[in-house]
Protein backbone atom coordinates (compact mmCIF):
# COMPACT_ATOMS: atom_id res chain seq x y z
CA MET A 1 123.17 113.56 110.87
CA ASP A 2 122.77 116.45 108.42
CA GLN A 3 125.60 115.09 106.29
CA ILE A 4 123.83 111.74 105.89
CA PHE A 5 120.55 113.46 104.97
CA TYR A 6 122.15 115.73 102.38
CA SER A 7 124.13 112.82 100.96
CA LEU A 8 120.93 110.80 100.51
CA VAL A 9 119.17 113.76 98.89
CA GLY A 10 122.13 114.21 96.54
CA ILE A 11 122.11 110.54 95.58
CA CYS A 12 118.35 110.69 94.92
CA ILE A 13 118.79 113.73 92.67
CA VAL A 14 121.61 112.07 90.72
CA LEU A 15 119.53 108.93 90.23
CA LEU A 16 116.53 110.99 89.15
CA LEU A 17 118.65 112.86 86.60
CA GLY A 18 120.01 109.51 85.43
CA ASP A 19 116.48 108.80 84.30
CA LEU A 20 117.15 111.12 81.35
CA LEU A 21 120.14 109.12 80.10
CA TYR A 22 118.49 105.97 78.82
CA HIS A 23 115.59 105.01 76.59
CA LYS A 24 112.76 103.28 78.38
CA HIS A 25 110.86 100.44 76.74
CA ALA A 26 107.60 101.18 78.51
CA THR A 27 104.62 98.89 78.33
CA PHE A 28 102.26 101.73 79.21
CA GLY A 29 102.63 105.36 78.17
CA PHE A 30 102.87 106.76 81.68
CA GLU A 31 105.92 104.60 82.44
CA SER A 32 107.97 106.76 80.08
CA TRP A 33 107.25 109.98 81.98
CA PHE A 34 110.30 111.59 83.58
CA GLY A 35 110.67 110.43 87.17
CA PHE A 36 107.59 108.22 87.08
CA PHE A 37 109.07 105.41 89.19
CA ALA A 38 110.52 107.87 91.72
CA TRP A 39 107.11 109.45 92.25
CA TYR A 40 105.37 106.09 92.20
CA GLY A 41 107.68 104.76 94.91
CA PHE A 42 107.30 107.89 97.04
CA ILE A 43 103.50 107.92 96.79
CA CYS A 44 103.25 104.20 97.57
CA CYS A 45 105.54 104.60 100.59
CA VAL A 46 103.43 107.45 101.96
CA ALA A 47 100.24 105.47 101.31
CA LEU A 48 101.70 102.47 103.13
CA VAL A 49 102.53 104.57 106.19
CA LEU A 50 99.07 106.16 106.24
CA LEU A 51 97.41 102.77 105.81
CA ALA A 52 99.49 101.32 108.66
CA LYS A 53 98.43 104.18 110.94
CA GLN A 54 94.78 103.37 110.24
CA MET A 55 95.31 99.62 110.63
CA ARG A 56 96.87 100.20 114.06
CA LYS A 57 93.48 101.30 115.35
CA VAL A 58 92.03 97.94 114.32
CA VAL A 59 94.74 95.53 115.47
CA LYS A 60 96.23 97.18 118.56
CA ARG A 61 95.78 95.54 121.96
CA ASP A 62 95.19 97.10 125.36
CA GLU A 63 98.20 97.59 127.60
CA ASP A 64 97.09 94.84 129.97
CA TYR A 65 96.02 92.40 127.23
CA TYR A 66 98.28 89.61 128.47
CA GLY A 67 97.53 90.30 132.12
CA ASP A 68 100.03 90.71 134.93
């Protein structure tokens, strides 16, 4: 399990460093920041998980919702 985790971390680092190797044709200035899309994806993923945890309180059903 540790080998898979460290392999994924290594791949993420290589891809992040690959961000330095090409010129970006950004529409907005912040899109040209180093690692912008990596951080954007990470923050959106965390926000999605936190939002889902809050939505669970609204949409969850009781254990015996469908009866016996």
